[in-house]
Protein backbone atom coordinates (compact mmCIF):
# COMPACT_ATOMS: atom_id res chain seq x y z
CA MET A 1 -153.98 -219.45 37.98
CA LEU A 2 -155.10 -222.94 37.10
CA THR A 3 -151.69 -223.68 35.54
CA ARG A 4 -149.91 -222.67 38.72
CA THR A 5 -152.09 -225.03 40.77
CA ARG A 6 -151.35 -227.93 38.43
CA ARG A 7 -147.62 -227.34 38.66
CA SER A 8 -147.63 -227.26 42.45
CA THR A 9 -149.82 -230.37 42.53
CA ALA A 10 -147.48 -232.16 40.14
CA GLY A 11 -144.49 -231.05 42.25
CA SER A 12 -146.19 -232.35 45.38
CA LEU A 13 -146.89 -235.64 43.64
CA VAL A 14 -143.20 -236.03 42.75
CA VAL A 15 -142.21 -235.35 46.35
CA VAL A 16 -144.72 -237.95 47.60
CA VAL A 17 -143.47 -240.57 45.10
CA VAL A 18 -139.81 -239.96 46.02
CA ALA A 19 -140.65 -240.15 49.71
CA ALA A 20 -142.53 -243.42 49.14
CA LEU A 21 -139.60 -244.90 47.23
CA ALA A 22 -137.21 -243.89 50.00
CA VAL A 23 -139.28 -245.95 52.42
CA VAL A 24 -139.32 -248.98 50.09
CA VAL A 25 -135.56 -248.95 49.39
CA PRO A 26 -133.62 -250.39 52.36
CA GLY A 27 -131.77 -247.54 53.97
CA GLY A 28 -133.77 -244.96 52.01
CA ALA A 29 -132.31 -242.80 49.27
CA ALA A 30 -129.36 -241.94 51.51
CA GLY A 31 -128.51 -245.65 51.73
CA ALA A 32 -127.85 -245.89 48.00
CA SER A 33 -124.14 -246.30 47.36
CA GLU A 34 -122.16 -245.33 44.29
CA GLU A 35 -119.16 -247.39 45.37
CA ALA A 36 -118.49 -250.70 43.73
CA PRO A 37 -119.62 -253.82 45.56
CA ALA A 38 -117.00 -255.69 47.58
CA GLU A 39 -116.75 -258.41 44.93
CA MET A 40 -117.35 -258.43 41.20
CA SER A 41 -118.04 -261.29 38.77
CA THR A 42 -114.32 -261.42 37.87
CA GLY A 43 -113.52 -263.06 41.19
CA ILE A 44 -111.40 -260.11 42.29
CA ALA A 45 -112.45 -258.69 45.65
CA VAL A 46 -111.14 -256.08 48.03
CA GLY A 47 -108.32 -257.70 49.99
CA ALA A 48 -107.40 -260.18 47.24
CA GLN A 49 -103.71 -260.80 46.67
CA LEU A 50 -102.45 -260.45 43.08
CA GLU A 51 -99.10 -261.73 41.84
CA ALA A 52 -97.39 -260.18 38.82
CA VAL A 53 -96.72 -262.74 36.07
CA ALA A 54 -94.49 -260.23 34.25
CA ASP A 55 -92.83 -256.91 35.03
CA VAL A 56 -95.62 -254.33 35.08
CA LYS A 57 -95.43 -250.55 35.19
CA VAL A 58 -98.23 -249.07 37.31
CA ALA A 59 -98.44 -245.33 37.88
CA ARG A 60 -94.83 -244.28 38.59
CA ALA A 61 -93.75 -247.63 39.98
CA GLU A 62 -92.77 -250.94 38.50
CA VAL A 63 -94.04 -254.21 39.92
CA ALA A 64 -91.49 -256.94 39.29
CA ARG A 65 -92.49 -260.40 38.16
CA GLY A 66 -93.43 -262.50 41.19
CA SER A 67 -94.20 -259.47 43.37
CA ARG A 68 -97.50 -259.34 45.22
CA VAL A 69 -99.96 -256.49 45.62
CA SER A 70 -103.22 -256.27 47.52
CA VAL A 71 -106.51 -255.01 46.04
CA ALA A 72 -107.59 -251.94 48.03
CA ARG A 73 -110.62 -250.80 46.01
CA LEU A 74 -112.70 -251.81 42.99
CA ILE A 75 -113.49 -249.10 40.42
CA GLU A 76 -116.77 -249.49 38.58
CA ARG A 77 -118.07 -247.41 35.68
CA GLN A 78 -121.57 -247.95 34.31
CA GLY A 79 -121.89 -251.32 36.03
CA GLN A 80 -118.59 -252.67 34.71
CA LEU A 81 -115.40 -253.25 36.69
CA THR A 82 -112.88 -251.04 34.88
CA ALA A 83 -109.94 -250.80 37.28
CA VAL A 84 -108.66 -251.66 40.74
CA ASP A 85 -106.63 -249.69 43.22
CA VAL A 86 -103.79 -251.83 44.52
CA GLU A 87 -101.57 -251.31 47.53
CA LEU A 88 -97.91 -251.61 46.61
CA ALA A 89 -95.23 -252.99 48.92
CA ASP A 90 -94.20 -249.49 50.02
CA GLY A 91 -97.81 -248.64 51.01
CA HIS A 92 -98.63 -246.43 48.03
CA ILE A 93 -101.91 -246.95 46.19
CA ALA A 94 -101.87 -247.24 42.38
CA ARG A 95 -104.77 -247.60 39.95
CA VAL A 96 -104.49 -250.49 37.48
CA ALA A 97 -106.83 -250.97 34.50
CA MET A 98 -108.62 -254.31 34.33
CA ALA A 99 -107.00 -255.08 30.98
CA THR A 100 -103.61 -254.89 32.70
CA VAL A 101 -104.83 -256.92 35.67
CA ARG A 102 -106.07 -259.68 33.36
CA THR A 103 -102.85 -259.86 31.33
CA SER A 104 -100.18 -259.19 33.94
CA PHE A 105 -101.48 -260.56 37.26
CA ARG A 106 -102.94 -263.72 38.68
CA VAL A 107 -105.22 -263.93 41.71
CA LEU A 108 -103.60 -265.71 44.67
CA SER A 109 -106.37 -265.34 47.24
CA GLU A 110 -109.84 -263.85 47.50
């Protein structure tokens, strides 16, 4: 019986600690976001215009040299910017790896 009491006390303690942390964190635990911030250290932000410096194949489309795309979303994995979703001229959204962004695009505006 003593073991059962310790477990419930430990469980209650965990609940109290989590509740206390939720008060300390702005917006509580529900306010925590898994989405990438609006701007990363690379200088690329949502809404930035990118211009292709070479012909680039993205998803099932090809972006011709000199064409412009708009950054719609930043994709972050384990704290690192790994890809961006770009809006193509026809309105479709395509995901582009950061390696491709760095080699095939230049940032026109932020």
